[in-house]
PDB file of N, CA and C in Angstrom:
ATOM      1  N   MET A   1      -9.460 -43.466 -10.934  1.00  0.00           N
ATOM      2  CA  MET A   1      -8.862 -42.370 -10.291  1.00  0.00           C
ATOM      3  C   MET A   1      -8.327 -42.898  -8.985  1.00  0.00           C
ATOM      4  N   LYS A   2      -8.976 -43.930  -8.390  1.00  0.00           N
ATOM      5  CA  LYS A   2      -8.423 -44.356  -6.997  1.00  0.00           C
ATOM      6  C   LYS A   2      -7.313 -45.168  -7.147  1.00  0.00           C
ATOM      7  N   LEU A   3      -7.167 -45.960  -8.167  1.00  0.00           N
ATOM      8  CA  LEU A   3      -5.987 -47.048  -8.364  1.00  0.00           C
ATOM      9  C   LEU A   3      -4.862 -46.299  -8.884  1.00  0.00           C
ATOM     10  N   TYR A   4      -4.977 -45.422  -9.857  1.00  0.00           N
ATOM     11  CA  TYR A   4      -3.884 -44.709 -10.527  1.00  0.00           C
ATOM     12  C   TYR A   4      -4.423 -43.314 -11.003  1.00  0.00           C
ATOM     13  N   PRO A   5      -4.057 -42.378  -9.858  1.00  0.00           N
ATOM     14  CA  PRO A   5      -4.469 -40.942 -10.147  1.00  0.00           C
ATOM     15  C   PRO A   5      -3.666 -40.246 -11.223  1.00  0.00           C
ATOM     16  N   VAL A   6      -4.550 -39.865 -12.131  1.00  0.00           N
ATOM     17  CA  VAL A   6      -3.909 -39.019 -13.237  1.00  0.00           C
ATOM     18  C   VAL A   6      -4.660 -37.597 -13.401  1.00  0.00           C
ATOM     19  N   LYS A   7      -4.111 -36.700 -14.086  1.00  0.00           N
ATOM     20  CA  LYS A   7      -4.561 -35.422 -13.983  1.00  0.00           C
ATOM     21  C   LYS A   7      -4.901 -35.041 -15.492  1.00  0.00           C
ATOM     22  N   TYR A   8      -5.788 -35.725 -15.979  1.00  0.00           N
ATOM     23  CA  TYR A   8      -6.134 -35.375 -17.458  1.00  0.00           C
ATOM     24  C   TYR A   8      -7.053 -34.142 -17.426  1.00  0.00           C
ATOM     25  N   LYS A   9      -6.837 -33.281 -18.471  1.00  0.00           N
ATOM     26  CA  LYS A   9      -7.723 -32.126 -18.703  1.00  0.00           C
ATOM     27  C   LYS A   9      -8.576 -32.287 -19.919  1.00  0.00           C
ATOM     28  N   PHE A  10      -9.871 -32.688 -19.690  1.00  0.00           N
ATOM     29  CA  PHE A  10     -10.619 -32.927 -20.880  1.00  0.00           C
ATOM     30  C   PHE A  10     -11.249 -31.590 -21.482  1.00  0.00           C
ATOM     31  N   LYS A  11     -10.876 -30.449 -21.172  1.00  0.00           N
ATOM     32  CA  LYS A  11     -11.436 -29.218 -21.767  1.00  0.00           C
ATOM     33  C   LYS A  11     -11.241 -29.194 -23.202  1.00  0.00           C
ATOM     34  N   ARG A  12     -10.126 -29.474 -23.782  1.00  0.00           N
ATOM     35  CA  ARG A  12      -9.820 -29.446 -25.045  1.00  0.00           C
ATOM     36  C   ARG A  12     -10.626 -30.374 -25.915  1.00  0.00           C
ATOM     37  N   ALA A  13     -10.720 -31.664 -25.259  1.00  0.00           N
ATOM     38  CA  ALA A  13     -11.486 -32.728 -26.073  1.00  0.00           C
ATOM     39  C   ALA A  13     -12.975 -32.330 -26.070  1.00  0.00           C
ATOM     40  N   TYR A  14     -13.388 -31.904 -25.019  1.00  0.00           N
ATOM     41  CA  TYR A  14     -14.839 -31.555 -24.895  1.00  0.00           C
ATOM     42  C   TYR A  14     -15.189 -30.465 -25.907  1.00  0.00           C
ATOM     43  N   LEU A  15     -14.306 -29.349 -26.003  1.00  0.00           N
ATOM     44  CA  LEU A  15     -14.387 -28.201 -26.804  1.00  0.00           C
ATOM     45  C   LEU A  15     -14.257 -28.744 -28.346  1.00  0.00           C
ATOM     46  N   SER A  16     -13.436 -29.632 -28.625  1.00  0.00           N
ATOM     47  CA  SER A  16     -13.346 -29.967 -29.995  1.00  0.00           C
ATOM     48  C   SER A  16     -14.485 -30.866 -30.446  1.00  0.00           C
ATOM     49  N   ILE A  17     -15.022 -31.689 -29.444  1.00  0.00           N
ATOM     50  CA  ILE A  17     -16.222 -32.403 -29.929  1.00  0.00           C
ATOM     51  C   ILE A  17     -17.403 -31.474 -30.066  1.00  0.00           C
ATOM     52  N   VAL A  18     -17.592 -30.362 -29.204  1.00  0.00           N
ATOM     53  CA  VAL A  18     -18.579 -29.388 -29.678  1.00  0.00           C
ATOM     54  C   VAL A  18     -18.413 -28.787 -31.052  1.00  0.00           C
ATOM     55  N   ILE A  19     -17.133 -28.405 -31.303  1.00  0.00           N
ATOM     56  CA  ILE A  19     -16.837 -27.770 -32.574  1.00  0.00           C
ATOM     57  C   ILE A  19     -17.202 -28.778 -33.551  1.00  0.00           C
ATOM     58  N   PHE A  20     -16.847 -29.930 -33.639  1.00  0.00           N
ATOM     59  CA  PHE A  20     -17.158 -30.874 -34.630  1.00  0.00           C
ATOM     60  C   PHE A  20     -18.763 -31.140 -34.791  1.00  0.00           C
ATOM     61  N   SER A  21     -19.354 -30.992 -33.600  1.00  0.00           N
ATOM     62  CA  SER A  21     -20.760 -31.339 -33.751  1.00  0.00           C
ATOM     63  C   SER A  21     -21.527 -30.163 -34.423  1.00  0.00           C
ATOM     64  N   ILE A  22     -21.034 -28.932 -33.998  1.00  0.00           N
ATOM     65  CA  ILE A  22     -21.593 -27.693 -34.585  1.00  0.00           C
ATOM     66  C   ILE A  22     -21.462 -27.753 -36.163  1.00  0.00           C
ATOM     67  N   VAL A  23     -20.147 -28.099 -36.574  1.00  0.00           N
ATOM     68  CA  VAL A  23     -19.998 -28.136 -38.065  1.00  0.00           C
ATOM     69  C   VAL A  23     -20.767 -29.197 -38.628  1.00  0.00           C
ATOM     70  N   ALA A  24     -20.807 -30.426 -38.050  1.00  0.00           N
ATOM     71  CA  ALA A  24     -21.679 -31.482 -38.575  1.00  0.00           C
ATOM     72  C   ALA A  24     -23.197 -31.100 -38.666  1.00  0.00           C
ATOM     73  N   ALA A  25     -23.641 -30.414 -37.650  1.00  0.00           N
ATOM     74  CA  ALA A  25     -25.012 -29.988 -37.735  1.00  0.00           C
ATOM     75  C   ALA A  25     -25.242 -28.830 -38.854  1.00  0.00           C
ATOM     76  N   MET A  26     -24.221 -27.901 -38.975  1.00  0.00           N
ATOM     77  CA  MET A  26     -24.405 -26.922 -40.010  1.00  0.00           C
ATOM     78  C   MET A  26     -24.445 -27.670 -41.482  1.00  0.00           C
ATOM     79  N   ASN A  27     -23.581 -28.664 -41.561  1.00  0.00           N
ATOM     80  CA  ASN A  27     -23.411 -29.258 -42.817  1.00  0.00           C
ATOM     81  C   ASN A  27     -24.492 -30.236 -43.198  1.00  0.00           C
ATOM     82  N   SER A  28     -25.317 -30.535 -42.137  1.00  0.00           N
ATOM     83  CA  SER A  28     -26.493 -31.445 -42.320  1.00  0.00           C
ATOM     84  C   SER A  28     -27.675 -30.408 -42.941  1.00  0.00           C
ATOM     85  N   PHE A  29     -27.619 -29.267 -42.623  1.00  0.00           N
ATOM     86  CA  PHE A  29     -28.831 -28.452 -43.125  1.00  0.00           C
ATOM     87  C   PHE A  29     -28.539 -27.491 -44.115  1.00  0.00           C
ATOM     88  N   ILE A  30     -27.231 -27.055 -44.316  1.00  0.00           N
ATOM     89  CA  ILE A  30     -26.902 -26.217 -45.389  1.00  0.00           C
ATOM     90  C   ILE A  30     -26.581 -26.870 -46.528  1.00  0.00           C
ATOM     91  N   LYS A  31     -27.193 -26.573 -47.819  1.00  0.00           N
ATOM     92  CA  LYS A  31     -27.135 -27.105 -48.957  1.00  0.00           C
ATOM     93  C   LYS A  31     -25.967 -26.677 -49.941  1.00  0.00           C
ATOM     94  N   ARG A  32     -25.357 -25.499 -49.580  1.00  0.00           N
ATOM     95  CA  ARG A  32     -24.309 -25.047 -50.357  1.00  0.00           C
ATOM     96  C   ARG A  32     -23.030 -25.638 -49.953  1.00  0.00           C
ATOM     97  N   VAL A  33     -22.369 -26.277 -51.001  1.00  0.00           N
ATOM     98  CA  VAL A  33     -21.232 -26.922 -50.609  1.00  0.00           C
ATOM     99  C   VAL A  33     -19.925 -26.184 -50.232  1.00  0.00           C
ATOM    100  N   SER A  34     -19.822 -24.867 -50.751  1.00  0.00           N
ATOM    101  CA  SER A  34     -18.781 -23.985 -50.454  1.00  0.00           C
ATOM    102  C   SER A  34     -18.861 -23.667 -48.953  1.00  0.00           C
ATOM    103  N   VAL A  35     -20.189 -23.377 -48.466  1.00  0.00           N
ATOM    104  CA  VAL A  35     -20.249 -23.066 -47.054  1.00  0.00           C
ATOM    105  C   VAL A  35     -19.864 -24.233 -46.088  1.00  0.00           C
ATOM    106  N   GLY A  36     -20.296 -25.417 -46.569  1.00  0.00           N
ATOM    107  CA  GLY A  36     -19.971 -26.652 -45.837  1.00  0.00           C
ATOM    108  C   GLY A  36     -18.464 -26.873 -45.714  1.00  0.00           C
ATOM    109  N   VAL A  37     -17.699 -26.695 -46.986  1.00  0.00           N
ATOM    110  CA  VAL A  37     -16.220 -27.058 -46.919  1.00  0.00           C
ATOM    111  C   VAL A  37     -15.672 -25.791 -46.048  1.00  0.00           C
ATOM    112  N   LEU A  38     -16.192 -24.633 -46.204  1.00  0.00           N
ATOM    113  CA  LEU A  38     -15.443 -23.500 -45.474  1.00  0.00           C
ATOM    114  C   LEU A  38     -15.692 -23.797 -43.859  1.00  0.00           C
ATOM    115  N   SER A  39     -16.959 -24.166 -43.475  1.00  0.00           N
ATOM    116  CA  SER A  39     -17.144 -24.361 -42.073  1.00  0.00           C
ATOM    117  C   SER A  39     -16.246 -25.582 -41.567  1.00  0.00           C
ATOM    118  N   SER A  40     -16.175 -26.614 -42.403  1.00  0.00           N
ATOM    119  CA  SER A  40     -15.222 -27.757 -41.942  1.00  0.00           C
ATOM    120  C   SER A  40     -13.820 -27.271 -41.800  1.00  0.00           C
ATOM    121  N   VAL A  41     -13.373 -26.536 -42.782  1.00  0.00           N
ATOM    122  CA  VAL A  41     -11.822 -25.953 -42.584  1.00  0.00           C
ATOM    123  C   VAL A  41     -11.693 -25.048 -41.648  1.00  0.00           C
ATOM    124  N   ILE A  42     -12.718 -24.106 -41.152  1.00  0.00           N
ATOM    125  CA  ILE A  42     -12.565 -23.384 -40.000  1.00  0.00           C
ATOM    126  C   ILE A  42     -12.682 -24.322 -38.786  1.00  0.00           C
ATOM    127  N   GLY A  43     -13.615 -24.981 -38.534  1.00  0.00           N
ATOM    128  CA  GLY A  43     -13.479 -25.972 -37.526  1.00  0.00           C
ATOM    129  C   GLY A  43     -12.368 -26.729 -37.303  1.00  0.00           C
ATOM    130  N   LEU A  44     -11.631 -27.270 -38.318  1.00  0.00           N
ATOM    131  CA  LEU A  44     -10.356 -28.150 -38.303  1.00  0.00           C
ATOM    132  C   LEU A  44      -9.275 -27.186 -37.759  1.00  0.00           C
ATOM    133  N   VAL A  45      -9.205 -26.034 -38.424  1.00  0.00           N
ATOM    134  CA  VAL A  45      -8.100 -24.919 -37.848  1.00  0.00           C
ATOM    135  C   VAL A  45      -8.364 -24.650 -36.444  1.00  0.00           C
ATOM    136  N   ILE A  46      -9.527 -24.579 -35.949  1.00  0.00           N
ATOM    137  CA  ILE A  46      -9.674 -24.225 -34.583  1.00  0.00           C
ATOM    138  C   ILE A  46      -9.144 -25.299 -33.841  1.00  0.00           C
ATOM    139  N   VAL A  47      -9.355 -26.646 -34.130  1.00  0.00           N
ATOM    140  CA  VAL A  47      -9.065 -27.808 -33.315  1.00  0.00           C
ATOM    141  C   VAL A  47      -7.529 -27.798 -33.385  1.00  0.00           C
ATOM    142  N   ILE A  48      -6.979 -27.649 -34.669  1.00  0.00           N
ATOM    143  CA  ILE A  48      -5.481 -27.616 -34.648  1.00  0.00           C
ATOM    144  C   ILE A  48      -4.801 -26.660 -33.688  1.00  0.00           C
ATOM    145  N   ILE A  49      -5.477 -25.421 -33.685  1.00  0.00           N
ATOM    146  CA  ILE A  49      -4.915 -24.432 -32.735  1.00  0.00           C
ATOM    147  C   ILE A  49      -4.969 -24.799 -31.398  1.00  0.00           C
ATOM    148  N   LEU A  50      -6.189 -25.498 -30.940  1.00  0.00           N
ATOM    149  CA  LEU A  50      -6.369 -26.060 -29.548  1.00  0.00           C
ATOM    150  C   LEU A  50      -5.289 -26.951 -29.208  1.00  0.00           C
ATOM    151  N   TYR A  51      -4.908 -27.857 -30.151  1.00  0.00           N
ATOM    152  CA  TYR A  51      -3.980 -28.815 -30.008  1.00  0.00           C
ATOM    153  C   TYR A  51      -2.687 -28.587 -30.447  1.00  0.00           C
ATOM    154  N   LYS A  52      -2.326 -27.281 -30.296  1.00  0.00           N
ATOM    155  CA  LYS A  52      -1.197 -26.824 -31.090  1.00  0.00           C
ATOM    156  C   LYS A  52       0.188 -27.659 -30.600  1.00  0.00           C
ATOM    157  N   ASP A  53       0.279 -27.866 -29.228  1.00  0.00           N
ATOM    158  CA  ASP A  53       1.478 -28.605 -28.896  1.00  0.00           C
ATOM    159  C   ASP A  53       1.489 -29.996 -29.346  1.00  0.00           C
ATOM    160  N   VAL A  54       0.415 -30.644 -29.523  1.00  0.00           N
ATOM    161  CA  VAL A  54       0.334 -32.192 -30.134  1.00  0.00           C
ATOM    162  C   VAL A  54       0.755 -32.191 -31.543  1.00  0.00           C
ATOM    163  N   PHE A  55       0.192 -31.201 -32.254  1.00  0.00           N
ATOM    164  CA  PHE A  55       0.523 -31.056 -33.693  1.00  0.00           C
ATOM    165  C   PHE A  55       1.886 -30.859 -33.827  1.00  0.00           C
ATOM    166  N   LYS A  56       2.513 -29.986 -32.948  1.00  0.00           N
ATOM    167  CA  LYS A  56       3.958 -29.618 -33.220  1.00  0.00           C
ATOM    168  C   LYS A  56       4.787 -30.824 -32.986  1.00  0.00           C
ATOM    169  N   GLN A  57       4.407 -31.548 -32.095  1.00  0.00           N
ATOM    170  CA  GLN A  57       5.219 -32.861 -31.724  1.00  0.00           C
ATOM    171  C   GLN A  57       5.012 -33.900 -32.925  1.00  0.00           C
ATOM    172  N   LEU A  58       3.758 -33.940 -33.441  1.00  0.00           N
ATOM    173  CA  LEU A  58       3.486 -34.822 -34.525  1.00  0.00           C
ATOM    174  C   LEU A  58       4.395 -34.519 -35.646  1.00  0.00           C
ATOM    175  N   VAL A  59       4.326 -33.166 -35.958  1.00  0.00           N
ATOM    176  CA  VAL A  59       5.096 -32.714 -37.242  1.00  0.00           C
ATOM    177  C   VAL A  59       6.649 -33.107 -37.021  1.00  0.00           C
ATOM    178  N   LYS A  60       7.221 -32.853 -35.878  1.00  0.00           N
ATOM    179  CA  LYS A  60       8.547 -33.008 -35.490  1.00  0.00           C
ATOM    180  C   LYS A  60       8.823 -34.431 -35.671  1.00  0.00           C
ATOM    181  N   ASP A  61       8.030 -35.388 -35.171  1.00  0.00           N
ATOM    182  CA  ASP A  61       8.315 -36.890 -35.270  1.00  0.00           C
ATOM    183  C   ASP A  61       8.161 -37.218 -36.728  1.00  0.00           C
ATOM    184  N   PHE A  62       7.211 -36.735 -37.394  1.00  0.00           N
ATOM    185  CA  PHE A  62       7.083 -37.174 -38.940  1.00  0.00           C
ATOM    186  C   PHE A  62       8.306 -36.835 -39.496  1.00  0.00           C
ATOM    187  N   LEU A  63       8.842 -35.415 -39.368  1.00  0.00           N
ATOM    188  CA  LEU A  63      10.017 -35.041 -40.109  1.00  0.00           C
ATOM    189  C   LEU A  63      11.156 -35.994 -39.641  1.00  0.00           C
ATOM    190  N   GLU A  64      11.301 -36.396 -38.333  1.00  0.00           N
ATOM    191  CA  GLU A  64      12.354 -37.196 -37.921  1.00  0.00           C
ATOM    192  C   GLU A  64      12.375 -38.559 -38.655  1.00  0.00           C
ATOM    193  N   LEU A  65      11.094 -39.219 -38.951  1.00  0.00           N
ATOM    194  CA  LEU A  65      10.857 -40.332 -39.568  1.00  0.00           C
ATOM    195  C   LEU A  65      11.256 -40.245 -41.040  1.00  0.00           C
ATOM    196  N   TRP A  66      10.884 -39.155 -41.550  1.00  0.00           N
ATOM    197  CA  TRP A  66      11.140 -38.885 -42.922  1.00  0.00           C
ATOM    198  C   TRP A  66      12.622 -38.891 -43.450  1.00  0.00           C
ATOM    199  N   ILE A  67      13.455 -38.099 -42.258  1.00  0.00           N
ATOM    200  CA  ILE A  67      14.880 -38.061 -42.594  1.00  0.00           C
ATOM    201  C   ILE A  67      15.466 -39.328 -42.535  1.00  0.00           C
ATOM    202  N   LEU A  68      14.854 -40.252 -41.341  1.00  0.00           N
ATOM    203  CA  LEU A  68      15.455 -41.504 -41.210  1.00  0.00           C
ATOM    204  C   LEU A  68      15.233 -42.421 -42.528  1.00  0.00           C
ATOM    205  N   VAL A  69      14.028 -42.369 -42.979  1.00  0.00           N
ATOM    206  CA  VAL A  69      13.682 -43.184 -44.318  1.00  0.00           C
ATOM    207  C   VAL A  69      14.518 -42.710 -45.485  1.00  0.00           C
ATOM    208  N   ALA A  70      14.581 -41.352 -45.576  1.00  0.00           N
ATOM    209  CA  ALA A  70      15.455 -40.774 -46.663  1.00  0.00           C
ATOM    210  C   ALA A  70      16.836 -41.215 -46.702  1.00  0.00           C
ATOM    211  N   ARG A  71      17.444 -41.451 -45.530  1.00  0.00           N
ATOM    212  CA  ARG A  71      18.821 -41.831 -45.439  1.00  0.00           C
ATOM    213  C   ARG A  71      19.099 -43.290 -45.910  1.00  0.00           C
ATOM    214  N   ARG A  72      18.022 -44.052 -45.871  1.00  0.00           N
ATOM    215  CA  ARG A  72      18.195 -45.502 -46.277  1.00  0.00           C
ATOM    216  C   ARG A  72      18.147 -45.725 -47.676  1.00  0.00           C
TER     217      ARG A  72
END
């Protein structure tokens, strides 16, 4: 921070780590596969909602790349 001050916000990263840790802990002790898959999907959807702006840019870049490849 002293050499190159940046203003990173780690709240989303910490929250996504907590969400993935909770899902991993749940899936370690729950034996029903359907509950494990459902909890994983719910955790992934929450993280996608947290990083909505990043995923929008990712989809936009992917579509631009797809169009570029399709034209060749």
